[in-house]
Each structure stands twice: as structure tokens, then as C-alpha cells.
């Protein structure tokens, strides 16, 4: 499993109802997106970060590892805002874009922390069955669940093939590495289709009729958690309004 999934399954918030965590995380996400970057999005991102390393007890290395690729995407997306095109062959510094880049980067970083708050505390297996109760078509949730499962199988296959190639000195030189990568892609492609065919045959043997019924563990909503979440969201909005940022 990925480190983020391990944290979601083993964290102290694992026993909480997904609706509680969705209210908190998605509410903070709404504040980060809808409120001004300062102080609204900054407060939402800070609150999400403190909740992650505090009550949720998600290890900081896990958060950094999960956020590194989105953070790189955010950073590279902000670079064009700092550049102006003077001619087809000349680029220059754009002083007017510094504020826009800072605002965009801050809002995106806050939104990323809010999403990590939900994904690092809520396993997907707790969310998908409850989405059906909310009216999401069962076919959509089942495809998502199967894709989620196949993702782990694909990663395991990549790791196994790579270890086998490394044991045979497949990455000794650049030439052998390129040859090994090509062989790895072909082997993974064949394995993926083979596993998909086995999965389809297994479902057919078990009488699959278009619905995968699973037992959902009953979890009660915590009124205290809901009230505290609403109070936190209201305080962020109130502080933003008091500072004058809400009316700019």
C-alpha cells in the first residue's frame, strides 16, 4: 500500500464517520477557494496542516512525500506568471505577475493541504460504499474501486519486474537500462491484461450481476466533532471578514 493509504487506515481518525471528515476537509477547501488568499486561504491551509500533524497524527514525512508532486506542479504553474513575452524570441521579467503568482501559489497550497486532510484520514473503502447511498450510480463506484485495486497490483508488478531485471544486471549501463525499461513496459502491459481477465472470470464465476455488495461498518456521527468543525469554519470566515479581506 501507499504511505498515504497506510496513514488513512491506521490513523486515530480511522474510526470517525467519513461525513464528519468530509465536512471539515471540504469546508476548509471551500474557504481556501472562495475566500481571499490573505487571510482566508492562509488560515484554511494552516488549520488543515495543524489538524494533520496534530489530532490526525499523520507523519510529516508521509505528508511531504504525498505533496511533493502536486507541490512541484504548483511551482511550475506559477513560473509563467513571472515571465512576459516581449517578442517571439525574447522573454523578460514581469513585475506585475509577482502578486498573481503568490496569490495563486498560496491558494493552491492551501487547497492541497485541505485535500490531504481528507485523503490521509479517510480510506477510499469507507467512502465508495456510502457514495451509493447518496445517489451515485453503483457502476461508477465499482469502476473506481476496481481501478483502485488494480493500481496496487500494477505497482506490485512494476516492482517485481524491476527487481528481477536488476538482479540480472539489467541496469548496469544506459543501453541495458533502456532495453530493460522497454521490456518492463511490455511485461507490465501483458500482466495488466492477464490480471484483468482473471478478475473478470472470477466475478463471472461468482455470479456477478452488475453490483458488488459489501458490508459497511456502522459509524455514528459525533455531534461534538461536527460542532467543532462548523465553529472552525465560521471562525475562518469571521476573521477574514473582520480583516476586511472578505469585502475586497
Protein backbone atom coordinates (compact mmCIF):
# COMPACT_ATOMS: atom_id res chain seq x y z
CA UNK A 1 0.00 0.00 0.00
CA UNK A 2 0.98 3.62 -0.45
CA UNK A 3 2.12 5.51 2.63
CA UNK A 4 -0.90 7.79 2.46
CA UNK A 5 -3.27 4.80 2.44
CA UNK A 6 -1.42 3.25 5.38
CA UNK A 7 -1.83 6.50 7.31
CA UNK A 8 -5.55 6.59 6.48
CA UNK A 9 -6.10 3.01 7.66
CA UNK A 10 -4.03 3.24 10.84
CA UNK A 11 -4.62 6.81 11.99
CA UNK A 12 -6.74 7.78 15.02
CA UNK A 13 -9.40 9.32 12.76
CA UNK A 14 -9.97 5.99 11.01
CA UNK A 15 -12.93 5.27 13.31
CA UNK A 16 -14.67 8.57 12.59
CA UNK A 17 -17.56 8.82 10.16
CA UNK A 18 -16.41 9.88 6.67
CA UNK A 19 -19.12 12.54 6.64
CA UNK A 20 -17.51 14.30 9.60
CA UNK A 21 -14.14 14.41 7.91
CA UNK A 22 -15.70 15.47 4.62
CA UNK A 23 -17.47 18.35 6.35
CA UNK A 24 -14.22 19.53 7.89
CA UNK A 25 -11.84 18.99 4.97
CA UNK A 26 -14.18 20.07 2.18
CA UNK A 27 -15.34 23.02 4.26
CA UNK A 28 -11.74 24.14 4.64
CA UNK A 29 -11.26 23.56 0.92
CA UNK A 30 -14.24 25.81 0.21
CA UNK A 31 -12.69 28.51 2.40
CA UNK A 32 -9.36 28.16 0.60
CA UNK A 33 -11.01 28.52 -2.80
CA UNK A 34 -13.76 31.05 -2.12
CA UNK A 35 -12.13 33.40 0.42
CA UNK A 36 -9.29 35.80 -0.40
CA UNK A 37 -5.83 34.30 -0.24
CA UNK A 38 -4.99 36.53 2.72
CA UNK A 39 -6.08 35.78 5.27
CA UNK A 40 -8.84 33.31 4.29
CA UNK A 41 -6.89 30.71 2.29
CA UNK A 42 -3.87 31.09 4.59
CA UNK A 43 -6.00 30.38 7.66
CA UNK A 44 -7.65 27.38 5.98
CA UNK A 45 -4.32 25.91 4.92
CA UNK A 46 -2.78 26.49 8.33
CA UNK A 47 -5.74 24.86 10.06
CA UNK A 48 -5.52 21.83 7.76
CA UNK A 49 -1.78 21.48 8.39
CA UNK A 50 -2.18 21.72 12.16
CA UNK A 51 -5.00 19.16 12.13
CA UNK A 52 -2.91 16.76 10.03
CA UNK A 53 0.12 16.76 12.31
CA UNK A 54 -1.93 17.26 15.49
CA UNK A 55 -5.18 15.35 16.14
CA UNK A 56 -4.93 13.24 12.96
CA UNK A 57 -1.30 12.33 13.76
CA UNK A 58 -0.20 11.88 10.17
CA UNK A 59 3.61 11.60 10.00
CA UNK A 60 5.27 14.63 8.45
CA UNK A 61 7.45 12.51 6.09
CA UNK A 62 4.27 10.90 4.71
CA UNK A 63 2.75 14.33 4.06
CA UNK A 64 5.89 15.62 2.39
CA UNK A 65 6.10 12.55 0.19
CA UNK A 66 2.44 12.81 -0.81
CA UNK A 67 2.65 16.54 -1.50
CA UNK A 68 5.91 16.66 -3.44
CA UNK A 69 4.45 16.01 -6.90
CA UNK A 70 1.46 18.38 -6.52
CA UNK A 71 3.78 21.00 -5.00
CA UNK A 72 6.11 20.69 -7.99
CA UNK A 73 3.13 21.14 -10.30
CA UNK A 74 2.06 24.25 -8.35
CA UNK A 75 5.56 25.72 -8.52
CA UNK A 76 5.96 25.12 -12.25
CA UNK A 77 2.50 26.55 -12.91
CA UNK A 78 3.45 29.79 -11.15
CA UNK A 79 6.62 30.34 -13.20
CA UNK A 80 4.82 31.51 -16.41
CA UNK A 81 3.10 34.23 -14.38
CA UNK A 82 6.53 35.75 -13.67
CA UNK A 83 7.53 35.92 -17.32
CA UNK A 84 6.40 38.32 -20.03
CA UNK A 85 6.87 37.80 -23.76
CA UNK A 86 8.35 40.93 -25.38
CA UNK A 87 8.87 39.31 -28.76
CA UNK A 88 8.82 35.81 -30.27
CA UNK A 89 12.48 35.42 -29.29
CA UNK A 90 12.70 37.50 -26.12
CA UNK A 91 11.42 36.81 -22.63
CA UNK A 92 11.53 39.19 -19.71
CA UNK A 93 10.70 39.57 -16.04
CA UNK A 94 7.11 40.53 -15.28
CA UNK A 95 6.97 42.51 -12.00
CA UNK A 96 3.17 42.71 -12.17
CA UNK A 97 2.93 38.94 -12.09
CA UNK A 98 4.61 38.53 -8.70
CA UNK A 99 1.41 39.26 -6.78
CA UNK A 100 -0.66 37.00 -9.02
CA UNK A 101 1.87 34.18 -8.71
CA UNK A 102 1.99 34.50 -4.93
CA UNK A 103 -1.80 34.54 -4.68
CA UNK A 104 -2.21 31.55 -6.96
CA UNK A 105 0.53 29.56 -5.24
CA UNK A 106 -0.82 30.28 -1.76
CA UNK A 107 -4.37 29.35 -2.67
CA UNK A 108 -3.27 26.14 -4.41
CA UNK A 109 -1.05 25.13 -1.49
CA UNK A 110 -3.90 25.69 0.98
CA UNK A 111 -6.27 23.64 -1.18
CA UNK A 112 -3.68 20.86 -1.37
CA UNK A 113 -3.40 20.69 2.42
CA UNK A 114 -7.19 20.53 2.74
CA UNK A 115 -7.37 17.62 0.30
CA UNK A 116 -4.57 15.84 2.13
CA UNK A 117 -6.54 16.25 5.35
CA UNK A 118 -9.33 14.14 3.87
CA UNK A 119 -7.26 11.62 1.89
CA UNK A 120 -4.79 10.97 4.74
CA UNK A 121 -7.55 10.24 7.25
CA UNK A 122 -10.26 8.54 5.17
CA UNK A 123 -9.69 5.26 3.30
CA UNK A 124 -11.35 5.01 -0.08
CA UNK A 125 -13.04 1.81 1.05
CA UNK A 126 -15.01 3.86 3.59
CA UNK A 127 -16.09 6.46 1.05
CA UNK A 128 -17.22 4.48 -2.00
CA UNK A 129 -20.00 2.37 -0.39
CA UNK A 130 -21.50 5.49 1.19
CA UNK A 131 -21.50 7.34 -2.11
CA UNK A 132 -24.03 4.82 -3.41
CA UNK A 133 -26.35 5.78 -0.56
CA UNK A 134 -26.02 9.41 -1.65
CA UNK A 135 -27.25 8.59 -5.14
CA UNK A 136 -24.02 8.00 -7.02
CA UNK A 137 -24.56 5.20 -9.59
CA UNK A 138 -23.20 1.86 -8.39
CA UNK A 139 -21.37 1.35 -11.69
CA UNK A 140 -19.30 4.49 -11.05
CA UNK A 141 -18.25 3.45 -7.55
CA UNK A 142 -17.46 -0.12 -8.64
CA UNK A 143 -15.27 1.05 -11.51
CA UNK A 144 -13.48 3.36 -9.07
CA UNK A 145 -12.98 0.52 -6.59
CA UNK A 146 -11.65 -1.86 -9.25
CA UNK A 147 -9.33 0.82 -10.62
CA UNK A 148 -8.08 1.48 -7.10
CA UNK A 149 -7.42 -2.22 -6.59
CA UNK A 150 -5.71 -2.64 -9.97
CA UNK A 151 -3.46 0.32 -9.19
CA UNK A 152 -1.86 -1.57 -6.32
CA UNK A 153 -1.49 -4.70 -8.43
CA UNK A 154 0.15 -2.63 -11.16
CA UNK A 155 2.63 -1.11 -8.71
CA UNK A 156 3.44 -4.58 -7.32
CA UNK A 157 4.03 -5.86 -10.86
CA UNK A 158 6.33 -2.94 -11.68
CA UNK A 159 8.32 -3.57 -8.51
CA UNK A 160 8.62 -7.31 -9.18
CA UNK A 161 9.72 -6.88 -12.79
CA UNK A 162 12.22 -4.17 -11.88
CA UNK A 163 13.76 -6.26 -9.10
CA UNK A 164 14.09 -9.23 -11.45
CA UNK A 165 15.76 -7.07 -14.08
CA UNK A 166 18.10 -5.51 -11.52
CA UNK A 167 19.12 -8.98 -10.30
CA UNK A 168 20.10 -9.80 -13.89
CA UNK A 169 22.19 -6.59 -14.17
CA UNK A 170 19.58 -5.04 -16.40
CA UNK A 171 20.50 -1.51 -15.29
CA UNK A 172 24.27 -1.80 -15.48
CA UNK A 173 24.66 0.71 -18.34
CA UNK A 174 22.46 3.24 -20.11
CA UNK A 175 22.00 0.87 -23.04
CA UNK A 176 20.91 -2.05 -20.88
CA UNK A 177 18.69 0.29 -18.81
CA UNK A 178 16.84 1.46 -21.93
CA UNK A 179 16.43 -2.14 -23.05
CA UNK A 180 15.17 -3.14 -19.59
CA UNK A 181 12.66 -0.27 -19.48
CA UNK A 182 11.24 -1.32 -22.83
CA UNK A 183 10.94 -4.91 -21.64
CA UNK A 184 9.42 -3.73 -18.38
CA UNK A 185 6.71 -1.79 -20.21
CA UNK A 186 5.84 -4.82 -22.33
CA UNK A 187 5.75 -7.17 -19.35
CA UNK A 188 3.57 -4.82 -17.31
CA UNK A 189 1.17 -4.40 -20.23
CA UNK A 190 0.75 -8.18 -20.57
CA UNK A 191 0.41 -8.67 -16.80
CA UNK A 192 -2.24 -5.97 -16.54
CA UNK A 193 -4.41 -7.57 -19.19
CA UNK A 194 -3.90 -11.03 -17.69
CA UNK A 195 -4.95 -9.85 -14.21
CA UNK A 196 -7.94 -8.00 -15.65
CA UNK A 197 -9.07 -11.15 -17.47
CA UNK A 198 -8.70 -13.24 -14.29
CA UNK A 199 -10.68 -10.66 -12.36
CA UNK A 200 -13.46 -10.70 -14.94
CA UNK A 201 -13.58 -14.50 -14.94
CA UNK A 202 -13.62 -14.61 -11.14
CA UNK A 203 -16.55 -12.20 -10.98
CA UNK A 204 -18.44 -14.20 -13.61
CA UNK A 205 -17.91 -17.46 -11.69
CA UNK A 206 -19.26 -15.81 -8.52
CA UNK A 207 -22.45 -14.77 -10.28
CA UNK A 208 -21.69 -11.09 -10.78
CA UNK A 209 -24.88 -9.32 -11.85
CA UNK A 210 -23.67 -5.73 -12.02
CA UNK A 211 -23.43 -4.96 -8.31
CA UNK A 212 -20.79 -5.74 -5.72
CA UNK A 213 -22.49 -5.77 -2.35
CA UNK A 214 -20.14 -5.10 0.56
CA UNK A 215 -20.77 -4.74 4.25
CA UNK A 216 -20.25 -1.20 5.50
CA UNK A 217 -19.14 -0.76 9.08
CA UNK A 218 -21.59 1.35 11.02
CA UNK A 219 -20.10 4.57 12.37
CA UNK A 220 -22.02 7.20 14.26
CA UNK A 221 -21.65 10.90 13.72
CA UNK A 222 -20.03 12.77 16.57
CA UNK A 223 -22.04 15.93 17.39
CA UNK A 224 -19.04 17.43 19.15
CA UNK A 225 -16.82 16.93 16.11
CA UNK A 226 -19.44 18.41 13.79
CA UNK A 227 -19.96 21.44 16.03
CA UNK A 228 -16.22 21.99 16.35
CA UNK A 229 -15.80 21.74 12.57
CA UNK A 230 -18.58 24.25 11.91
CA UNK A 231 -17.12 26.58 14.56
CA UNK A 232 -13.68 26.38 12.93
CA UNK A 233 -15.09 27.18 9.50
CA UNK A 234 -17.19 30.03 10.88
CA UNK A 235 -14.17 31.48 12.69
CA UNK A 236 -12.11 31.49 9.49
CA UNK A 237 -14.88 33.31 7.63
CA UNK A 238 -15.35 35.74 10.53
CA UNK A 239 -11.63 36.53 10.81
CA UNK A 240 -11.46 37.11 7.07
CA UNK A 241 -14.47 39.44 7.26
CA UNK A 242 -13.08 41.33 10.23
CA UNK A 243 -9.76 41.87 8.48
CA UNK A 244 -11.63 43.35 5.52
CA UNK A 245 -10.46 40.70 3.09
CA UNK A 246 -13.96 39.34 2.53
CA UNK A 247 -15.19 42.61 1.04
CA UNK A 248 -12.26 43.38 -1.24
